[in-house]
Protein backbone atom coordinates (compact mmCIF):
# COMPACT_ATOMS: atom_id res chain seq x y z
CA GLN A 1 152.99 133.53 49.32
CA LEU A 2 152.91 129.76 49.78
CA GLN A 3 152.48 128.10 46.80
CA LEU A 4 152.50 124.73 44.86
CA VAL A 5 153.33 124.24 41.31
CA GLU A 6 152.98 121.32 39.03
CA SER A 7 154.70 120.68 35.94
CA GLY A 8 155.56 117.68 33.42
CA GLY A 9 151.91 116.83 32.30
CA GLY A 10 151.33 116.32 28.58
CA LEU A 11 150.48 114.11 25.96
CA VAL A 12 151.89 110.23 26.15
CA GLN A 13 150.91 107.07 24.37
CA PRO A 14 149.47 104.06 26.06
CA GLY A 15 152.45 102.20 28.04
CA GLY A 16 154.42 105.37 28.25
CA SER A 17 155.54 107.06 31.07
CA LEU A 18 155.72 110.60 32.64
CA THR A 19 157.07 112.13 35.78
CA LEU A 20 155.31 115.04 37.36
CA SER A 21 156.97 117.67 39.71
CA CYS A 22 155.41 119.77 42.35
CA ALA A 23 157.56 122.56 43.26
CA ALA A 24 156.93 124.37 46.69
CA SER A 25 157.61 127.93 46.97
CA GLY A 26 157.20 130.58 49.88
CA PHE A 27 157.43 127.65 52.47
CA THR A 28 159.89 124.56 53.05
CA LEU A 29 158.28 121.30 51.95
CA SER A 30 160.24 119.57 54.90
CA GLY A 31 157.78 118.61 57.61
CA TYR A 32 154.63 118.35 55.37
CA THR A 33 153.10 115.47 54.04
CA VAL A 34 152.51 115.51 50.09
CA GLY A 35 149.56 114.27 48.24
CA TRP A 36 148.99 113.31 44.78
CA PHE A 37 145.30 113.51 43.26
CA ARG A 38 143.83 113.41 39.87
CA GLN A 39 140.53 114.40 38.58
CA ALA A 40 139.23 113.22 35.45
CA PRO A 41 136.19 114.71 33.56
CA GLY A 42 132.75 114.56 35.29
CA GLU A 43 134.59 112.61 38.27
CA GLY A 44 135.57 113.20 41.60
CA ARG A 45 138.80 113.74 42.84
CA GLU A 46 141.01 110.83 43.53
CA ALA A 47 143.60 110.19 46.01
CA LEU A 48 146.47 108.75 44.30
CA SER A 49 149.62 108.77 46.72
CA CYS A 50 150.85 110.50 49.80
CA SER A 51 154.42 110.71 51.32
CA SER A 52 154.71 111.90 55.08
CA ASP A 53 157.65 113.69 56.40
CA ARG A 54 156.16 113.23 59.89
CA ASP A 55 156.42 109.65 60.29
CA GLY A 56 157.53 108.29 56.95
CA SER A 57 154.45 106.75 56.07
CA SER A 58 153.18 106.49 52.48
CA ASN A 59 150.37 104.99 50.65
CA THR A 60 149.31 104.46 46.98
CA ALA A 61 146.17 103.86 45.88
CA ASP A 62 145.26 100.45 44.20
CA SER A 63 144.39 101.65 40.86
CA VAL A 64 147.83 103.05 40.34
CA LYS A 65 150.04 100.57 42.65
CA GLY A 66 152.91 99.18 41.09
CA ARG A 67 152.97 101.92 38.21
CA PHE A 68 153.00 105.23 40.02
CA THR A 69 155.33 106.21 42.33
CA ILE A 70 155.71 109.22 44.73
CA SER A 71 159.02 110.63 45.83
CA ARG A 72 160.30 113.90 47.38
CA ASP A 73 163.71 115.99 47.46
CA ASN A 74 163.11 118.20 50.23
CA ALA A 75 166.65 120.03 49.34
CA LYS A 76 164.86 120.82 46.14
CA ASN A 77 161.61 121.50 47.77
CA THR A 78 160.09 119.21 45.17
CA ALA A 79 158.01 116.33 45.24
CA TYR A 80 157.45 113.93 42.40
CA LEU A 81 154.96 111.46 40.93
CA GLN A 82 156.52 108.99 38.76
CA MET A 83 153.98 107.42 36.41
CA ASN A 84 154.67 104.24 34.38
CA SER A 85 152.75 101.98 31.95
CA LEU A 86 150.14 104.75 31.51
CA LYS A 87 146.54 103.83 30.33
CA SER A 88 143.98 105.75 28.70
CA GLU A 89 142.03 105.71 31.72
CA ASP A 90 144.99 107.67 33.59
CA THR A 91 143.83 110.59 31.48
CA ALA A 92 143.07 113.61 34.18
CA VAL A 93 144.40 116.81 35.41
CA TYR A 94 146.89 115.81 38.19
CA TYR A 95 147.40 117.77 41.52
CA CYS A 96 149.49 118.05 44.55
CA ALA A 97 148.81 119.03 47.68
CA ALA A 98 150.52 119.82 51.10
CA LEU A 99 149.66 119.08 54.78
CA TYR A 100 151.71 120.19 57.69
CA TRP A 101 153.08 117.60 59.93
CA SER A 102 150.75 114.70 59.15
CA SER A 103 150.94 111.09 58.76
CA CYS A 104 149.58 109.63 55.77
CA VAL A 105 147.43 107.21 57.65
CA GLY A 106 144.04 108.15 57.37
CA LYS A 107 144.30 111.18 55.25
CA GLU A 108 143.29 109.85 51.86
CA GLY A 109 140.69 112.65 51.44
CA SER A 110 141.32 115.63 49.63
CA HIS A 111 139.66 117.82 52.39
CA TYR A 112 142.48 117.51 54.62
CA TYR A 113 145.15 119.10 52.55
CA ASP A 114 145.69 122.81 53.10
CA TYR A 115 147.66 123.66 50.11
CA TRP A 116 147.05 123.09 46.53
CA GLY A 117 148.67 123.35 43.05
CA GLN A 118 146.97 124.52 39.84
CA GLY A 119 146.86 121.14 38.21
CA THR A 120 148.49 119.64 35.57
CA GLN A 121 147.10 117.81 32.52
CA VAL A 122 148.03 114.40 31.69
CA THR A 123 146.50 112.80 28.43
CA VAL A 124 147.06 109.21 27.55
CA SER A 125 146.20 108.55 23.77
CA SER A 126 147.34 107.10 20.70
């Protein structure tokens, strides 16, 4: 069974950092494009960052650029989202998703992705 499992969420104070992990099981993450998304209560799903194995492309949303960094370790079958300088508006459920053999270019929409994790809650509050 193809599965993505996020972990690393939690409660953090404003200005703090968290690293989210996205572990793949049932398939090899190598060759897949990995995207990170978030959804705050009452809001739509927002694309945050993408990493492509196909062409090495990546992108990061302006809302988190300079604070969030996507990375991946295919040997560990895991992708990561390093989040620094967290703000209260970063509070949301964070999801990772995978799409086989695609560029990140033009793939900002969540509907492109085939596999999704269950999400992990990130709460930024003092």
